[in-house]
Amino acid sequence: MVTEQQVRDALCRVLDPEVGENIIELGLVYGIDIDDERLVVTMTMTSPSCPMGDWIRQQVAAELGDLCRDGQRAEVRLVWQPAWSPEMMSPALRTRLGWG
């Protein structure tokens, strides 16, 4: 079975094209749930009006699909609570962007 770390590593390949940084470091991924039947990522966008939201979600689904094994299905759950804020970024990314 795939591990949470493998999912995180895969999601590091998904970049927010507006910022050029990966969704893990941006703090957009709120949860990863793995069982025999499903691989579920709960995530948000930087704002509800994110123009690249559909594209990012498709990229996440593609990465998850590549990880699914033995009939597992991928699911991307988009949530708006808690609302994303820059404080959710990794400390390293905040420093790189000059926000920390």
PDB file of N, CA and C in Angstrom:
ATOM      1  N   MET A   1       0.850  -1.182   0.000  1.00  0.00           N
ATOM      2  CA  MET A   1       0.000   0.000   0.000  1.00  0.00           C
ATOM      3  C   MET A   1       0.893   1.242   0.000  1.00  0.00           C
ATOM      4  N   VAL A   2       0.445   2.245  -0.698  1.00  0.00           N
ATOM      5  CA  VAL A   2       1.178   3.499  -0.772  1.00  0.00           C
ATOM      6  C   VAL A   2       1.211   4.165   0.608  1.00  0.00           C
ATOM      7  N   THR A   3       2.277   4.897   0.882  1.00  0.00           N
ATOM      8  CA  THR A   3       2.420   5.576   2.169  1.00  0.00           C
ATOM      9  C   THR A   3       2.085   7.062   2.036  1.00  0.00           C
ATOM     10  N   GLU A   4       1.816   7.682   3.170  1.00  0.00           N
ATOM     11  CA  GLU A   4       1.550   9.124   3.163  1.00  0.00           C
ATOM     12  C   GLU A   4       2.750   9.887   2.610  1.00  0.00           C
ATOM     13  N   GLN A   5       3.959   9.450   2.943  1.00  0.00           N
ATOM     14  CA  GLN A   5       5.151  10.142   2.442  1.00  0.00           C
ATOM     15  C   GLN A   5       5.248  10.038   0.924  1.00  0.00           C
ATOM     16  N   GLN A   6       4.889   8.888   0.362  1.00  0.00           N
ATOM     17  CA  GLN A   6       4.890   8.751  -1.095  1.00  0.00           C
ATOM     18  C   GLN A   6       3.884   9.707  -1.732  1.00  0.00           C
ATOM     19  N   VAL A   7       2.738   9.872  -1.101  1.00  0.00           N
ATOM     20  CA  VAL A   7       1.737  10.815  -1.611  1.00  0.00           C
ATOM     21  C   VAL A   7       2.288  12.235  -1.526  1.00  0.00           C
ATOM     22  N   ARG A   8       2.867  12.591  -0.400  1.00  0.00           N
ATOM     23  CA  ARG A   8       3.444  13.935  -0.248  1.00  0.00           C
ATOM     24  C   ARG A   8       4.530  14.181  -1.295  1.00  0.00           C
ATOM     25  N   ASP A   9       5.387  13.197  -1.501  1.00  0.00           N
ATOM     26  CA  ASP A   9       6.444  13.342  -2.509  1.00  0.00           C
ATOM     27  C   ASP A   9       5.850  13.571  -3.894  1.00  0.00           C
ATOM     28  N   ALA A  10       4.797  12.823  -4.225  1.00  0.00           N
ATOM     29  CA  ALA A  10       4.144  12.983  -5.529  1.00  0.00           C
ATOM     30  C   ALA A  10       3.512  14.365  -5.648  1.00  0.00           C
ATOM     31  N   LEU A  11       2.886  14.833  -4.581  1.00  0.00           N
ATOM     32  CA  LEU A  11       2.218  16.132  -4.631  1.00  0.00           C
ATOM     33  C   LEU A  11       3.204  17.292  -4.665  1.00  0.00           C
ATOM     34  N   CYS A  12       4.450  17.041  -4.285  1.00  0.00           N
ATOM     35  CA  CYS A  12       5.479  18.075  -4.426  1.00  0.00           C
ATOM     36  C   CYS A  12       5.760  18.380  -5.901  1.00  0.00           C
ATOM     37  N   ARG A  13       5.347  17.496  -6.783  1.00  0.00           N
ATOM     38  CA  ARG A  13       5.513  17.740  -8.226  1.00  0.00           C
ATOM     39  C   ARG A  13       4.408  18.627  -8.792  1.00  0.00           C
ATOM     40  N   VAL A  14       3.380  18.887  -7.997  1.00  0.00           N
ATOM     41  CA  VAL A  14       2.274  19.742  -8.450  1.00  0.00           C
ATOM     42  C   VAL A  14       2.574  21.172  -8.012  1.00  0.00           C
ATOM     43  N   LEU A  15       2.793  22.030  -8.996  1.00  0.00           N
ATOM     44  CA  LEU A  15       3.121  23.422  -8.719  1.00  0.00           C
ATOM     45  C   LEU A  15       1.912  24.316  -8.944  1.00  0.00           C
ATOM     46  N   ASP A  16       1.780  25.321  -8.101  1.00  0.00           N
ATOM     47  CA  ASP A  16       0.811  26.384  -8.357  1.00  0.00           C
ATOM     48  C   ASP A  16       1.479  27.288  -9.388  1.00  0.00           C
ATOM     49  N   PRO A  17       0.973  27.339 -10.619  1.00  0.00           N
ATOM     50  CA  PRO A  17       1.658  28.088 -11.669  1.00  0.00           C
ATOM     51  C   PRO A  17       1.752  29.588 -11.403  1.00  0.00           C
ATOM     52  N   GLU A  18       0.877  30.120 -10.588  1.00  0.00           N
ATOM     53  CA  GLU A  18       0.940  31.553 -10.293  1.00  0.00           C
ATOM     54  C   GLU A  18       2.098  31.892  -9.363  1.00  0.00           C
ATOM     55  N   VAL A  19       2.472  30.947  -8.519  1.00  0.00           N
ATOM     56  CA  VAL A  19       3.535  31.180  -7.544  1.00  0.00           C
ATOM     57  C   VAL A  19       4.808  30.430  -7.927  1.00  0.00           C
ATOM     58  N   GLY A  20       4.656  29.321  -8.654  1.00  0.00           N
ATOM     59  CA  GLY A  20       5.806  28.515  -9.041  1.00  0.00           C
ATOM     60  C   GLY A  20       6.335  27.647  -7.920  1.00  0.00           C
ATOM     61  N   GLU A  21       5.502  27.380  -6.932  1.00  0.00           N
ATOM     62  CA  GLU A  21       5.899  26.552  -5.789  1.00  0.00           C
ATOM     63  C   GLU A  21       4.927  25.396  -5.645  1.00  0.00           C
ATOM     64  N   ASN A  22       5.384  24.331  -4.986  1.00  0.00           N
ATOM     65  CA  ASN A  22       4.541  23.135  -4.885  1.00  0.00           C
ATOM     66  C   ASN A  22       3.462  23.285  -3.813  1.00  0.00           C
ATOM     67  N   ILE A  23       2.401  22.515  -4.010  1.00  0.00           N
ATOM     68  CA  ILE A  23       1.221  22.657  -3.151  1.00  0.00           C
ATOM     69  C   ILE A  23       1.446  22.161  -1.723  1.00  0.00           C
ATOM     70  N   ILE A  24       2.437  21.307  -1.524  1.00  0.00           N
ATOM     71  CA  ILE A  24       2.748  20.856  -0.160  1.00  0.00           C
ATOM     72  C   ILE A  24       3.362  22.008   0.625  1.00  0.00           C
ATOM     73  N   GLU A  25       4.393  22.625   0.065  1.00  0.00           N
ATOM     74  CA  GLU A  25       5.040  23.738   0.767  1.00  0.00           C
ATOM     75  C   GLU A  25       4.118  24.944   0.901  1.00  0.00           C
ATOM     76  N   LEU A  26       3.211  25.103  -0.055  1.00  0.00           N
ATOM     77  CA  LEU A  26       2.245  26.201   0.042  1.00  0.00           C
ATOM     78  C   LEU A  26       1.222  25.973   1.152  1.00  0.00           C
ATOM     79  N   GLY A  27       1.128  24.745   1.641  1.00  0.00           N
ATOM     80  CA  GLY A  27       0.172  24.439   2.705  1.00  0.00           C
ATOM     81  C   GLY A  27      -1.243  24.241   2.199  1.00  0.00           C
ATOM     82  N   LEU A  28      -1.381  23.876   0.924  1.00  0.00           N
ATOM     83  CA  LEU A  28      -2.708  23.680   0.349  1.00  0.00           C
ATOM     84  C   LEU A  28      -3.291  22.309   0.665  1.00  0.00           C
ATOM     85  N   VAL A  29      -2.448  21.365   1.064  1.00  0.00           N
ATOM     86  CA  VAL A  29      -2.919  20.009   1.373  1.00  0.00           C
ATOM     87  C   VAL A  29      -3.207  19.921   2.866  1.00  0.00           C
ATOM     88  N   TYR A  30      -4.471  19.657   3.195  1.00  0.00           N
ATOM     89  CA  TYR A  30      -4.900  19.587   4.589  1.00  0.00           C
ATOM     90  C   TYR A  30      -4.916  18.171   5.137  1.00  0.00           C
ATOM     91  N   GLY A  31      -5.068  17.181   4.265  1.00  0.00           N
ATOM     92  CA  GLY A  31      -5.132  15.817   4.768  1.00  0.00           C
ATOM     93  C   GLY A  31      -4.925  14.786   3.683  1.00  0.00           C
ATOM     94  N   ILE A  32      -4.398  13.638   4.079  1.00  0.00           N
ATOM     95  CA  ILE A  32      -4.190  12.499   3.189  1.00  0.00           C
ATOM     96  C   ILE A  32      -4.736  11.276   3.909  1.00  0.00           C
ATOM     97  N   ASP A  33      -5.692  10.612   3.285  1.00  0.00           N
ATOM     98  CA  ASP A  33      -6.283   9.401   3.858  1.00  0.00           C
ATOM     99  C   ASP A  33      -6.096   8.255   2.874  1.00  0.00           C
ATOM    100  N   ILE A  34      -5.582   7.153   3.382  1.00  0.00           N
ATOM    101  CA  ILE A  34      -5.278   5.999   2.542  1.00  0.00           C
ATOM    102  C   ILE A  34      -5.912   4.761   3.155  1.00  0.00           C
ATOM    103  N   ASP A  35      -6.661   4.030   2.349  1.00  0.00           N
ATOM    104  CA  ASP A  35      -7.117   2.704   2.762  1.00  0.00           C
ATOM    105  C   ASP A  35      -7.088   1.798   1.534  1.00  0.00           C
ATOM    106  N   ASP A  36      -7.560   0.579   1.680  1.00  0.00           N
ATOM    107  CA  ASP A  36      -7.479  -0.381   0.578  1.00  0.00           C
ATOM    108  C   ASP A  36      -8.268   0.050  -0.650  1.00  0.00           C
ATOM    109  N   GLU A  37      -9.304   0.846  -0.448  1.00  0.00           N
ATOM    110  CA  GLU A  37     -10.188   1.218  -1.551  1.00  0.00           C
ATOM    111  C   GLU A  37      -9.937   2.601  -2.122  1.00  0.00           C
ATOM    112  N   ARG A  38      -9.435   3.517  -1.285  1.00  0.00           N
ATOM    113  CA  ARG A  38      -9.323   4.906  -1.721  1.00  0.00           C
ATOM    114  C   ARG A  38      -8.018   5.553  -1.291  1.00  0.00           C
ATOM    115  N   LEU A  39      -7.638   6.536  -2.075  1.00  0.00           N
ATOM    116  CA  LEU A  39      -6.530   7.424  -1.759  1.00  0.00           C
ATOM    117  C   LEU A  39      -7.115   8.827  -1.866  1.00  0.00           C
ATOM    118  N   VAL A  40      -7.321   9.482  -0.715  1.00  0.00           N
ATOM    119  CA  VAL A  40      -8.055  10.747  -0.670  1.00  0.00           C
ATOM    120  C   VAL A  40      -7.135  11.867  -0.199  1.00  0.00           C
ATOM    121  N   VAL A  41      -7.129  12.951  -0.957  1.00  0.00           N
ATOM    122  CA  VAL A  41      -6.422  14.159  -0.551  1.00  0.00           C
ATOM    123  C   VAL A  41      -7.462  15.248  -0.332  1.00  0.00           C
ATOM    124  N   THR A  42      -7.418  15.851   0.848  1.00  0.00           N
ATOM    125  CA  THR A  42      -8.263  16.997   1.157  1.00  0.00           C
ATOM    126  C   THR A  42      -7.383  18.229   1.060  1.00  0.00           C
ATOM    127  N   MET A  43      -7.834  19.186   0.263  1.00  0.00           N
ATOM    128  CA  MET A  43      -6.985  20.345  -0.005  1.00  0.00           C
ATOM    129  C   MET A  43      -7.829  21.583  -0.242  1.00  0.00           C
ATOM    130  N   THR A  44      -7.144  22.701  -0.379  1.00  0.00           N
ATOM    131  CA  THR A  44      -7.787  23.968  -0.676  1.00  0.00           C
ATOM    132  C   THR A  44      -6.993  24.676  -1.755  1.00  0.00           C
ATOM    133  N   MET A  45      -7.413  25.863  -2.097  1.00  0.00           N
ATOM    134  CA  MET A  45      -6.681  26.741  -3.008  1.00  0.00           C
ATOM    135  C   MET A  45      -6.357  28.018  -2.236  1.00  0.00           C
ATOM    136  N   THR A  46      -5.508  28.844  -2.813  1.00  0.00           N
ATOM    137  CA  THR A  46      -5.159  30.086  -2.123  1.00  0.00           C
ATOM    138  C   THR A  46      -6.355  31.017  -2.001  1.00  0.00           C
ATOM    139  N   SER A  47      -7.325  30.873  -2.915  1.00  0.00           N
ATOM    140  CA  SER A  47      -8.576  31.629  -2.814  1.00  0.00           C
ATOM    141  C   SER A  47      -9.654  30.902  -3.607  1.00  0.00           C
ATOM    142  N   PRO A  48     -10.925  31.107  -3.264  1.00  0.00           N
ATOM    143  CA  PRO A  48     -12.000  30.458  -4.023  1.00  0.00           C
ATOM    144  C   PRO A  48     -12.018  30.861  -5.496  1.00  0.00           C
ATOM    145  N   SER A  49     -11.447  32.012  -5.808  1.00  0.00           N
ATOM    146  CA  SER A  49     -11.434  32.473  -7.198  1.00  0.00           C
ATOM    147  C   SER A  49     -10.120  32.165  -7.905  1.00  0.00           C
ATOM    148  N   CYS A  50      -9.332  31.250  -7.370  1.00  0.00           N
ATOM    149  CA  CYS A  50      -8.043  30.879  -7.968  1.00  0.00           C
ATOM    150  C   CYS A  50      -8.253  30.487  -9.430  1.00  0.00           C
ATOM    151  N   PRO A  51      -7.670  31.235 -10.381  1.00  0.00           N
ATOM    152  CA  PRO A  51      -7.900  30.939 -11.792  1.00  0.00           C
ATOM    153  C   PRO A  51      -7.308  29.606 -12.252  1.00  0.00           C
ATOM    154  N   MET A  52      -6.370  29.072 -11.506  1.00  0.00           N
ATOM    155  CA  MET A  52      -5.733  27.807 -11.878  1.00  0.00           C
ATOM    156  C   MET A  52      -6.244  26.638 -11.042  1.00  0.00           C
ATOM    157  N   GLY A  53      -7.302  26.853 -10.282  1.00  0.00           N
ATOM    158  CA  GLY A  53      -7.816  25.827  -9.377  1.00  0.00           C
ATOM    159  C   GLY A  53      -8.161  24.517 -10.055  1.00  0.00           C
ATOM    160  N   ASP A  54      -8.876  24.570 -11.175  1.00  0.00           N
ATOM    161  CA  ASP A  54      -9.242  23.335 -11.877  1.00  0.00           C
ATOM    162  C   ASP A  54      -8.007  22.605 -12.373  1.00  0.00           C
ATOM    163  N   TRP A  55      -7.053  23.350 -12.896  1.00  0.00           N
ATOM    164  CA  TRP A  55      -5.820  22.743 -13.415  1.00  0.00           C
ATOM    165  C   TRP A  55      -5.044  22.074 -12.281  1.00  0.00           C
ATOM    166  N   ILE A  56      -4.907  22.761 -11.144  1.00  0.00           N
ATOM    167  CA  ILE A  56      -4.190  22.182 -10.002  1.00  0.00           C
ATOM    168  C   ILE A  56      -4.886  20.903  -9.544  1.00  0.00           C
ATOM    169  N   ARG A  57      -6.194  20.953  -9.448  1.00  0.00           N
ATOM    170  CA  ARG A  57      -6.953  19.773  -9.016  1.00  0.00           C
ATOM    171  C   ARG A  57      -6.749  18.607  -9.985  1.00  0.00           C
ATOM    172  N   GLN A  58      -6.718  18.875 -11.271  1.00  0.00           N
ATOM    173  CA  GLN A  58      -6.470  17.824 -12.267  1.00  0.00           C
ATOM    174  C   GLN A  58      -5.077  17.230 -12.105  1.00  0.00           C
ATOM    175  N   GLN A  59      -4.094  18.072 -11.817  1.00  0.00           N
ATOM    176  CA  GLN A  59      -2.729  17.583 -11.621  1.00  0.00           C
ATOM    177  C   GLN A  59      -2.638  16.705 -10.375  1.00  0.00           C
ATOM    178  N   VAL A  60      -3.317  17.108  -9.319  1.00  0.00           N
ATOM    179  CA  VAL A  60      -3.346  16.296  -8.094  1.00  0.00           C
ATOM    180  C   VAL A  60      -3.985  14.943  -8.393  1.00  0.00           C
ATOM    181  N   ALA A  61      -5.114  14.955  -9.087  1.00  0.00           N
ATOM    182  CA  ALA A  61      -5.798  13.698  -9.424  1.00  0.00           C
ATOM    183  C   ALA A  61      -4.904  12.795 -10.262  1.00  0.00           C
ATOM    184  N   ALA A  62      -4.151  13.369 -11.183  1.00  0.00           N
ATOM    185  CA  ALA A  62      -3.251  12.572 -12.024  1.00  0.00           C
ATOM    186  C   ALA A  62      -2.141  11.939 -11.188  1.00  0.00           C
ATOM    187  N   GLU A  63      -1.550  12.707 -10.287  1.00  0.00           N
ATOM    188  CA  GLU A  63      -0.493  12.162  -9.419  1.00  0.00           C
ATOM    189  C   GLU A  63      -1.046  11.048  -8.539  1.00  0.00           C
ATOM    190  N   LEU A  64      -2.236  11.248  -7.991  1.00  0.00           N
ATOM    191  CA  LEU A  64      -2.839  10.216  -7.151  1.00  0.00           C
ATOM    192  C   LEU A  64      -3.154   8.973  -7.966  1.00  0.00           C
ATOM    193  N   GLY A  65      -3.673   9.170  -9.168  1.00  0.00           N
ATOM    194  CA  GLY A  65      -3.995   8.039 -10.035  1.00  0.00           C
ATOM    195  C   GLY A  65      -2.781   7.172 -10.315  1.00  0.00           C
ATOM    196  N   ASP A  66      -1.623   7.816 -10.465  1.00  0.00           N
ATOM    197  CA  ASP A  66      -0.386   7.062 -10.702  1.00  0.00           C
ATOM    198  C   ASP A  66       0.011   6.222  -9.496  1.00  0.00           C
ATOM    199  N   LEU A  67      -0.412   6.627  -8.307  1.00  0.00           N
ATOM    200  CA  LEU A  67      -0.047   5.909  -7.081  1.00  0.00           C
ATOM    201  C   LEU A  67      -1.023   4.792  -6.713  1.00  0.00           C
ATOM    202  N   CYS A  68      -2.245   4.876  -7.204  1.00  0.00           N
ATOM    203  CA  CYS A  68      -3.273   3.896  -6.829  1.00  0.00           C
ATOM    204  C   CYS A  68      -2.886   2.490  -7.256  1.00  0.00           C
ATOM    205  N   ARG A  69      -3.181   1.528  -6.397  1.00  0.00           N
ATOM    206  CA  ARG A  69      -2.856   0.128  -6.665  1.00  0.00           C
ATOM    207  C   ARG A  69      -4.071  -0.756  -6.407  1.00  0.00           C
ATOM    208  N   ASP A  70      -4.127  -1.860  -7.117  1.00  0.00           N
ATOM    209  CA  ASP A  70      -5.104  -2.924  -6.853  1.00  0.00           C
ATOM    210  C   ASP A  70      -6.538  -2.417  -6.698  1.00  0.00           C
ATOM    211  N   GLY A  71      -7.008  -1.635  -7.656  1.00  0.00           N
ATOM    212  CA  GLY A  71      -8.386  -1.182  -7.635  1.00  0.00           C
ATOM    213  C   GLY A  71      -8.666   0.018  -6.759  1.00  0.00           C
ATOM    214  N   GLN A  72      -7.640   0.553  -6.124  1.00  0.00           N
ATOM    215  CA  GLN A  72      -7.815   1.758  -5.318  1.00  0.00           C
ATOM    216  C   GLN A  72      -8.267   2.898  -6.236  1.00  0.00           C
ATOM    217  N   ARG A  73      -9.081   3.808  -5.733  1.00  0.00           N
ATOM    218  CA  ARG A  73      -9.463   4.959  -6.542  1.00  0.00           C
ATOM    219  C   ARG A  73      -8.993   6.247  -5.862  1.00  0.00           C
ATOM    220  N   ALA A  74      -8.657   7.215  -6.688  1.00  0.00           N
ATOM    221  CA  ALA A  74      -8.181   8.505  -6.198  1.00  0.00           C
ATOM    222  C   ALA A  74      -9.351   9.463  -6.040  1.00  0.00           C
ATOM    223  N   GLU A  75      -9.272  10.278  -5.006  1.00  0.00           N
ATOM    224  CA  GLU A  75     -10.309  11.280  -4.769  1.00  0.00           C
ATOM    225  C   GLU A  75      -9.648  12.561  -4.268  1.00  0.00           C
ATOM    226  N   VAL A  76     -10.033  13.675  -4.872  1.00  0.00           N
ATOM    227  CA  VAL A  76      -9.546  14.986  -4.443  1.00  0.00           C
ATOM    228  C   VAL A  76     -10.733  15.742  -3.860  1.00  0.00           C
ATOM    229  N   ARG A  77     -10.637  16.068  -2.588  1.00  0.00           N
ATOM    230  CA  ARG A  77     -11.706  16.818  -1.913  1.00  0.00           C
ATOM    231  C   ARG A  77     -11.247  18.266  -1.743  1.00  0.00           C
ATOM    232  N   LEU A  78     -11.999  19.167  -2.320  1.00  0.00           N
ATOM    233  CA  LEU A  78     -11.685  20.584  -2.218  1.00  0.00           C
ATOM    234  C   LEU A  78     -12.533  21.201  -1.112  1.00  0.00           C
ATOM    235  N   VAL A  79     -11.879  21.848  -0.159  1.00  0.00           N
ATOM    236  CA  VAL A  79     -12.571  22.478   0.967  1.00  0.00           C
ATOM    237  C   VAL A  79     -12.135  23.942   1.070  1.00  0.00           C
ATOM    238  N   TRP A  80     -12.949  24.730   1.730  1.00  0.00           N
ATOM    239  CA  TRP A  80     -12.634  26.154   1.899  1.00  0.00           C
ATOM    240  C   TRP A  80     -12.460  26.541   3.360  1.00  0.00           C
ATOM    241  N   GLN A  81     -12.651  25.602   4.259  1.00  0.00           N
ATOM    242  CA  GLN A  81     -12.450  25.857   5.683  1.00  0.00           C
ATOM    243  C   GLN A  81     -11.479  24.830   6.226  1.00  0.00           C
ATOM    244  N   PRO A  82     -10.464  25.224   6.927  1.00  0.00           N
ATOM    245  CA  PRO A  82     -10.128  26.616   7.190  1.00  0.00           C
ATOM    246  C   PRO A  82      -9.634  27.313   5.924  1.00  0.00           C
ATOM    247  N   ALA A  83      -9.880  28.609   5.862  1.00  0.00           N
ATOM    248  CA  ALA A  83      -9.414  29.389   4.716  1.00  0.00           C
ATOM    249  C   ALA A  83      -7.888  29.409   4.712  1.00  0.00           C
ATOM    250  N   TRP A  84      -7.313  29.292   3.522  1.00  0.00           N
ATOM    251  CA  TRP A  84      -5.856  29.318   3.397  1.00  0.00           C
ATOM    252  C   TRP A  84      -5.336  30.704   3.748  1.00  0.00           C
ATOM    253  N   SER A  85      -4.160  30.739   4.359  1.00  0.00           N
ATOM    254  CA  SER A  85      -3.461  31.999   4.625  1.00  0.00           C
ATOM    255  C   SER A  85      -1.963  31.743   4.482  1.00  0.00           C
ATOM    256  N   PRO A  86      -1.172  32.780   4.267  1.00  0.00           N
ATOM    257  CA  PRO A  86       0.276  32.596   4.105  1.00  0.00           C
ATOM    258  C   PRO A  86       0.942  31.893   5.285  1.00  0.00           C
ATOM    259  N   GLU A  87       0.338  31.961   6.460  1.00  0.00           N
ATOM    260  CA  GLU A  87       0.909  31.286   7.625  1.00  0.00           C
ATOM    261  C   GLU A  87       0.920  29.767   7.457  1.00  0.00           C
ATOM    262  N   MET A  88       0.149  29.261   6.498  1.00  0.00           N
ATOM    263  CA  MET A  88       0.092  27.813   6.260  1.00  0.00           C
ATOM    264  C   MET A  88       1.263  27.313   5.416  1.00  0.00           C
ATOM    265  N   MET A  89       1.998  28.240   4.819  1.00  0.00           N
ATOM    266  CA  MET A  89       3.168  27.846   4.031  1.00  0.00           C
ATOM    267  C   MET A  89       4.253  27.308   4.957  1.00  0.00           C
ATOM    268  N   SER A  90       5.122  26.490   4.397  1.00  0.00           N
ATOM    269  CA  SER A  90       6.257  26.014   5.187  1.00  0.00           C
ATOM    270  C   SER A  90       7.133  27.211   5.548  1.00  0.00           C
ATOM    271  N   PRO A  91       7.815  27.154   6.690  1.00  0.00           N
ATOM    272  CA  PRO A  91       8.704  28.257   7.062  1.00  0.00           C
ATOM    273  C   PRO A  91       9.756  28.541   5.983  1.00  0.00           C
ATOM    274  N   ALA A  92      10.276  27.490   5.366  1.00  0.00           N
ATOM    275  CA  ALA A  92      11.295  27.681   4.328  1.00  0.00           C
ATOM    276  C   ALA A  92      10.730  28.460   3.141  1.00  0.00           C
ATOM    277  N   LEU A  93       9.508  28.142   2.745  1.00  0.00           N
ATOM    278  CA  LEU A  93       8.901  28.849   1.616  1.00  0.00           C
ATOM    279  C   LEU A  93       8.591  30.294   1.991  1.00  0.00           C
ATOM    280  N   ARG A  94       8.091  30.526   3.184  1.00  0.00           N
ATOM    281  CA  ARG A  94       7.838  31.913   3.606  1.00  0.00           C
ATOM    282  C   ARG A  94       9.118  32.726   3.546  1.00  0.00           C
ATOM    283  N   THR A  95      10.223  32.128   3.968  1.00  0.00           N
ATOM    284  CA  THR A  95      11.510  32.819   3.923  1.00  0.00           C
ATOM    285  C   THR A  95      11.921  33.086   2.480  1.00  0.00           C
ATOM    286  N   ARG A  96      11.804  32.066   1.618  1.00  0.00           N
ATOM    287  CA  ARG A  96      12.172  32.235   0.199  1.00  0.00           C
ATOM    288  C   ARG A  96      11.364  33.335  -0.468  1.00  0.00           C
ATOM    289  N   LEU A  97      10.092  33.433  -0.104  1.00  0.00           N
ATOM    290  CA  LEU A  97       9.224  34.440  -0.715  1.00  0.00           C
ATOM    291  C   LEU A  97       9.310  35.798  -0.011  1.00  0.00           C
ATOM    292  N   GLY A  98      10.108  35.854   1.052  1.00  0.00           N
ATOM    293  CA  GLY A  98      10.267  37.106   1.781  1.00  0.00           C
ATOM    294  C   GLY A  98       9.097  37.428   2.694  1.00  0.00           C
ATOM    295  N   TRP A  99       8.348  36.392   3.104  1.00  0.00           N
ATOM    296  CA  TRP A  99       7.187  36.593   3.970  1.00  0.00           C
ATOM    297  C   TRP A  99       7.462  36.112   5.390  1.00  0.00           C
ATOM    298  N   GLY A 100       8.702  35.785   5.687  1.00  0.00           N
ATOM    299  CA  GLY A 100       8.966  35.234   7.009  1.00  0.00           C
ATOM    300  C   GLY A 100      10.106  35.830   7.637  1.00  0.00           C
TER     301      GLY A 100
END
